[in-house]
N, C-alpha and C. Protein backbone atom coordinates (compact mmCIF):
# COMPACT_ATOMS: atom_id res chain seq x y z
N MET A 1 -5.29 110.82 -5.98
CA MET A 1 -6.53 111.53 -5.66
C MET A 1 -7.47 110.56 -4.94
N SER A 2 -8.01 110.99 -3.84
CA SER A 2 -8.97 110.21 -3.07
C SER A 2 -10.22 109.93 -3.90
N VAL A 3 -10.83 108.79 -3.67
CA VAL A 3 -12.07 108.44 -4.36
C VAL A 3 -13.13 109.51 -4.14
N LEU A 4 -13.20 110.05 -2.93
CA LEU A 4 -14.21 111.08 -2.63
C LEU A 4 -13.98 112.38 -3.39
N GLN A 5 -12.77 112.59 -3.90
CA GLN A 5 -12.47 113.79 -4.65
C GLN A 5 -12.75 113.65 -6.14
N LYS A 6 -13.04 112.45 -6.60
CA LYS A 6 -13.36 112.24 -8.01
C LYS A 6 -14.65 112.99 -8.32
N PRO A 7 -14.71 113.69 -9.45
CA PRO A 7 -15.87 114.54 -9.76
C PRO A 7 -17.22 113.82 -9.72
N GLU A 8 -17.27 112.60 -10.24
CA GLU A 8 -18.55 111.89 -10.26
C GLU A 8 -19.00 111.47 -8.85
N VAL A 9 -18.06 111.25 -7.95
CA VAL A 9 -18.38 110.90 -6.57
C VAL A 9 -18.73 112.16 -5.78
N SER A 10 -17.88 113.16 -5.87
CA SER A 10 -18.11 114.37 -5.07
C SER A 10 -19.43 115.04 -5.45
N ALA A 11 -19.82 114.98 -6.72
CA ALA A 11 -21.10 115.57 -7.13
C ALA A 11 -22.27 114.90 -6.42
N LYS A 12 -22.24 113.58 -6.34
CA LYS A 12 -23.32 112.83 -5.65
C LYS A 12 -23.31 113.11 -4.14
N TYR A 13 -22.13 113.04 -3.54
CA TYR A 13 -22.04 113.21 -2.10
C TYR A 13 -22.40 114.63 -1.67
N ILE A 14 -22.00 115.62 -2.44
CA ILE A 14 -22.36 117.01 -2.12
C ILE A 14 -23.87 117.21 -2.24
N LYS A 15 -24.47 116.56 -3.23
CA LYS A 15 -25.91 116.67 -3.44
C LYS A 15 -26.72 116.02 -2.31
N HIS A 16 -26.26 114.87 -1.83
CA HIS A 16 -27.06 114.07 -0.91
C HIS A 16 -26.71 114.21 0.57
N TYR A 17 -25.53 114.72 0.89
CA TYR A 17 -25.08 114.67 2.29
C TYR A 17 -24.47 115.98 2.75
N VAL A 18 -24.51 116.16 4.05
CA VAL A 18 -23.78 117.24 4.70
C VAL A 18 -22.55 116.56 5.30
N GLY A 19 -21.39 117.01 4.91
CA GLY A 19 -20.16 116.38 5.38
C GLY A 19 -19.59 117.08 6.59
N ALA A 20 -18.97 116.30 7.44
CA ALA A 20 -18.27 116.85 8.59
C ALA A 20 -17.01 116.02 8.78
N HIS A 21 -15.92 116.68 9.03
CA HIS A 21 -14.64 115.99 9.23
C HIS A 21 -14.27 116.10 10.70
N ALA A 22 -13.88 114.98 11.26
CA ALA A 22 -13.40 114.98 12.63
C ALA A 22 -12.26 113.98 12.74
N ASP A 23 -11.18 114.37 13.36
CA ASP A 23 -10.06 113.47 13.57
C ASP A 23 -9.90 113.27 15.07
N PHE A 24 -10.31 112.11 15.53
CA PHE A 24 -10.26 111.81 16.95
C PHE A 24 -9.02 111.02 17.35
N GLY A 25 -8.13 110.80 16.39
CA GLY A 25 -6.96 109.98 16.65
C GLY A 25 -6.07 110.48 17.77
N GLU A 26 -5.94 111.76 17.92
CA GLU A 26 -5.07 112.34 18.94
C GLU A 26 -5.83 112.74 20.20
N LEU A 27 -7.14 112.62 20.17
CA LEU A 27 -7.97 113.11 21.27
C LEU A 27 -8.01 112.12 22.42
N GLU A 28 -7.66 112.57 23.58
CA GLU A 28 -7.72 111.74 24.79
C GLU A 28 -8.82 112.32 25.68
N LEU A 29 -9.85 111.53 25.92
CA LEU A 29 -10.96 111.98 26.74
C LEU A 29 -11.14 111.05 27.93
N ASP A 30 -11.47 111.62 29.06
CA ASP A 30 -11.80 110.74 30.19
C ASP A 30 -13.28 110.38 30.11
N ASP A 31 -13.69 109.41 30.88
CA ASP A 31 -15.06 108.90 30.80
C ASP A 31 -16.11 109.93 31.19
N LYS A 32 -15.73 110.99 31.87
CA LYS A 32 -16.68 112.02 32.30
C LYS A 32 -16.94 113.08 31.23
N ASP A 33 -16.09 113.13 30.21
CA ASP A 33 -16.26 114.10 29.14
C ASP A 33 -17.47 113.70 28.28
N PRO A 34 -18.43 114.61 28.07
CA PRO A 34 -19.63 114.25 27.29
C PRO A 34 -19.33 113.82 25.85
N ARG A 35 -18.20 114.24 25.31
CA ARG A 35 -17.85 113.84 23.94
C ARG A 35 -17.43 112.38 23.87
N HIS A 36 -17.03 111.83 25.00
CA HIS A 36 -16.55 110.45 25.04
C HIS A 36 -17.61 109.47 24.53
N ASP A 37 -18.86 109.61 24.97
CA ASP A 37 -19.93 108.71 24.54
C ASP A 37 -20.17 108.80 23.04
N MET A 38 -20.15 110.01 22.50
CA MET A 38 -20.38 110.19 21.07
C MET A 38 -19.26 109.53 20.26
N ILE A 39 -18.03 109.72 20.67
CA ILE A 39 -16.90 109.14 19.95
C ILE A 39 -16.94 107.62 20.08
N LYS A 40 -17.21 107.14 21.25
CA LYS A 40 -17.28 105.70 21.48
C LYS A 40 -18.38 105.07 20.63
N ARG A 41 -19.49 105.75 20.49
CA ARG A 41 -20.62 105.22 19.71
C ARG A 41 -20.30 105.18 18.23
N HIS A 42 -19.64 106.20 17.70
CA HIS A 42 -19.42 106.28 16.26
C HIS A 42 -18.07 105.74 15.79
N ASN A 43 -17.10 105.64 16.69
CA ASN A 43 -15.79 105.16 16.26
C ASN A 43 -15.04 104.58 17.47
N SER A 44 -15.56 103.52 18.02
CA SER A 44 -15.04 102.98 19.27
C SER A 44 -13.59 102.48 19.17
N LYS A 45 -13.19 102.04 18.01
CA LYS A 45 -11.84 101.51 17.86
C LYS A 45 -10.87 102.53 17.26
N LYS A 46 -11.34 103.75 17.05
CA LYS A 46 -10.55 104.84 16.48
C LYS A 46 -9.98 104.47 15.11
N TRP A 47 -10.79 103.76 14.31
CA TRP A 47 -10.37 103.44 12.95
C TRP A 47 -10.35 104.70 12.11
N ARG A 48 -9.47 104.74 11.14
CA ARG A 48 -9.43 105.85 10.20
C ARG A 48 -9.16 105.31 8.82
N PRO A 49 -9.74 105.79 7.79
CA PRO A 49 -10.88 106.70 7.81
C PRO A 49 -12.18 105.95 8.08
N VAL A 50 -13.13 106.66 8.62
CA VAL A 50 -14.46 106.12 8.87
C VAL A 50 -15.46 107.08 8.25
N LEU A 51 -16.37 106.53 7.46
CA LEU A 51 -17.50 107.31 6.96
C LEU A 51 -18.73 106.79 7.68
N VAL A 52 -19.45 107.67 8.34
CA VAL A 52 -20.67 107.31 9.06
C VAL A 52 -21.80 108.12 8.45
N PHE A 53 -22.86 107.45 8.10
CA PHE A 53 -24.03 108.11 7.53
C PHE A 53 -25.16 108.05 8.56
N LEU A 54 -25.73 109.22 8.84
CA LEU A 54 -26.82 109.33 9.80
C LEU A 54 -28.09 109.76 9.08
N ASP A 55 -29.23 109.27 9.56
CA ASP A 55 -30.48 109.74 8.98
C ASP A 55 -30.86 111.08 9.63
N SER A 56 -32.00 111.62 9.27
CA SER A 56 -32.39 112.94 9.77
C SER A 56 -32.65 112.96 11.27
N GLN A 57 -32.79 111.78 11.88
CA GLN A 57 -32.99 111.70 13.33
C GLN A 57 -31.68 111.47 14.08
N GLY A 58 -30.57 111.38 13.33
CA GLY A 58 -29.27 111.15 13.95
C GLY A 58 -28.95 109.69 14.17
N LYS A 59 -29.77 108.79 13.63
CA LYS A 59 -29.53 107.35 13.75
C LYS A 59 -28.56 106.90 12.66
N GLU A 60 -27.57 106.11 13.05
CA GLU A 60 -26.61 105.61 12.08
C GLU A 60 -27.29 104.61 11.14
N VAL A 61 -27.10 104.83 9.82
CA VAL A 61 -27.71 103.94 8.84
C VAL A 61 -26.68 103.21 7.99
N ALA A 62 -25.46 103.69 7.96
CA ALA A 62 -24.40 103.02 7.21
C ALA A 62 -23.05 103.49 7.74
N ARG A 63 -22.04 102.62 7.54
CA ARG A 63 -20.70 102.93 8.00
C ARG A 63 -19.71 102.15 7.13
N THR A 64 -18.61 102.77 6.84
CA THR A 64 -17.50 102.07 6.21
C THR A 64 -16.23 102.44 6.95
N THR A 65 -15.45 101.43 7.31
CA THR A 65 -14.24 101.68 8.08
C THR A 65 -12.97 101.40 7.29
N ALA A 66 -13.11 100.88 6.11
CA ALA A 66 -11.93 100.52 5.33
C ALA A 66 -11.61 101.54 4.24
N GLY A 67 -12.37 102.61 4.20
CA GLY A 67 -12.20 103.56 3.11
C GLY A 67 -12.87 103.04 1.85
N LEU A 68 -13.03 103.88 0.90
CA LEU A 68 -13.65 103.50 -0.37
C LEU A 68 -12.55 103.24 -1.37
N LYS A 69 -12.57 102.07 -1.96
CA LYS A 69 -11.46 101.65 -2.82
C LYS A 69 -11.64 102.01 -4.29
N SER A 70 -12.88 102.35 -4.67
CA SER A 70 -13.12 102.66 -6.08
C SER A 70 -14.31 103.61 -6.21
N VAL A 71 -14.38 104.24 -7.37
CA VAL A 71 -15.51 105.12 -7.69
C VAL A 71 -16.80 104.30 -7.64
N GLU A 72 -16.75 103.10 -8.20
CA GLU A 72 -17.95 102.25 -8.24
C GLU A 72 -18.47 101.95 -6.84
N GLU A 73 -17.55 101.64 -5.91
CA GLU A 73 -17.95 101.35 -4.54
C GLU A 73 -18.56 102.60 -3.88
N ALA A 74 -17.97 103.76 -4.11
CA ALA A 74 -18.48 105.01 -3.54
C ALA A 74 -19.87 105.32 -4.07
N LEU A 75 -20.08 105.12 -5.36
CA LEU A 75 -21.39 105.38 -5.95
C LEU A 75 -22.43 104.37 -5.48
N LEU A 76 -22.01 103.13 -5.28
CA LEU A 76 -22.91 102.11 -4.76
C LEU A 76 -23.32 102.44 -3.33
N LEU A 77 -22.37 102.90 -2.52
CA LEU A 77 -22.69 103.30 -1.15
C LEU A 77 -23.67 104.48 -1.16
N ASP A 78 -23.45 105.42 -2.06
CA ASP A 78 -24.39 106.53 -2.20
C ASP A 78 -25.79 106.02 -2.54
N ARG A 79 -25.88 105.10 -3.47
CA ARG A 79 -27.18 104.54 -3.86
C ARG A 79 -27.84 103.82 -2.68
N PHE A 80 -27.04 103.09 -1.91
CA PHE A 80 -27.53 102.38 -0.74
C PHE A 80 -28.15 103.35 0.28
N VAL A 81 -27.43 104.42 0.57
CA VAL A 81 -27.89 105.37 1.60
C VAL A 81 -28.99 106.27 1.05
N SER A 82 -28.77 106.91 -0.08
CA SER A 82 -29.75 107.88 -0.59
C SER A 82 -31.06 107.19 -1.01
N GLY A 83 -30.98 105.91 -1.40
CA GLY A 83 -32.18 105.16 -1.75
C GLY A 83 -32.83 104.47 -0.56
N LYS A 84 -32.28 104.68 0.63
CA LYS A 84 -32.77 104.12 1.89
C LYS A 84 -32.86 102.59 1.86
N HIS A 85 -31.92 101.97 1.16
CA HIS A 85 -31.87 100.51 1.12
C HIS A 85 -31.47 99.93 2.46
N TYR A 86 -30.93 100.75 3.36
CA TYR A 86 -30.57 100.31 4.70
C TYR A 86 -31.81 99.87 5.48
N LEU A 87 -32.99 100.28 5.05
CA LEU A 87 -34.21 99.85 5.71
C LEU A 87 -34.49 98.36 5.46
N LYS A 88 -33.89 97.82 4.41
CA LYS A 88 -34.12 96.42 4.03
C LYS A 88 -32.96 95.50 4.40
N GLY A 89 -31.79 96.05 4.68
CA GLY A 89 -30.64 95.21 4.99
C GLY A 89 -29.37 96.02 5.06
N ASP A 90 -28.25 95.33 5.19
CA ASP A 90 -26.98 96.03 5.33
C ASP A 90 -26.29 96.23 3.97
N PHE A 91 -25.24 97.03 3.99
CA PHE A 91 -24.54 97.39 2.75
C PHE A 91 -23.87 96.18 2.11
N ALA A 92 -23.31 95.29 2.92
CA ALA A 92 -22.65 94.11 2.37
C ALA A 92 -23.63 93.27 1.54
N SER A 93 -24.83 93.08 2.06
CA SER A 93 -25.86 92.32 1.32
C SER A 93 -26.30 93.06 0.07
N PHE A 94 -26.44 94.37 0.18
CA PHE A 94 -26.83 95.19 -0.96
C PHE A 94 -25.77 95.11 -2.07
N ARG A 95 -24.51 95.22 -1.67
CA ARG A 95 -23.40 95.16 -2.64
C ARG A 95 -23.39 93.79 -3.32
N LYS A 96 -23.55 92.73 -2.56
CA LYS A 96 -23.56 91.38 -3.12
C LYS A 96 -24.71 91.20 -4.11
N ALA A 97 -25.88 91.71 -3.78
CA ALA A 97 -27.05 91.60 -4.66
C ALA A 97 -26.83 92.37 -5.97
N GLN A 98 -26.09 93.45 -5.92
CA GLN A 98 -25.86 94.26 -7.12
C GLN A 98 -24.89 93.57 -8.06
N LYS A 99 -23.99 92.76 -7.52
CA LYS A 99 -23.01 92.06 -8.36
C LYS A 99 -23.62 90.84 -9.06
N GLY A 100 -24.58 90.20 -8.40
CA GLY A 100 -25.13 88.95 -8.93
C GLY A 100 -26.36 89.18 -9.69
């Protein structure tokens, strides 16, 4: 079972975020396609899975490209984004501060 499907994680994510799934792995776009800039901006290397968190203005505030490895990590990421800790620093620094 995926970490995002765990009840304690899905409850938080459903409460705080609007989810959208997109798989760009098979998509081939030329440079003139307007979707090309959006994909390049949010997933330039076509990594999968990628979670991108946007604020209400559409500005990226957090991203994870390695997937979530544990419930604890998923809940910490939720706390980082929903508590707007991204205004003070990045997720790696936030995670390190929480451990120490």
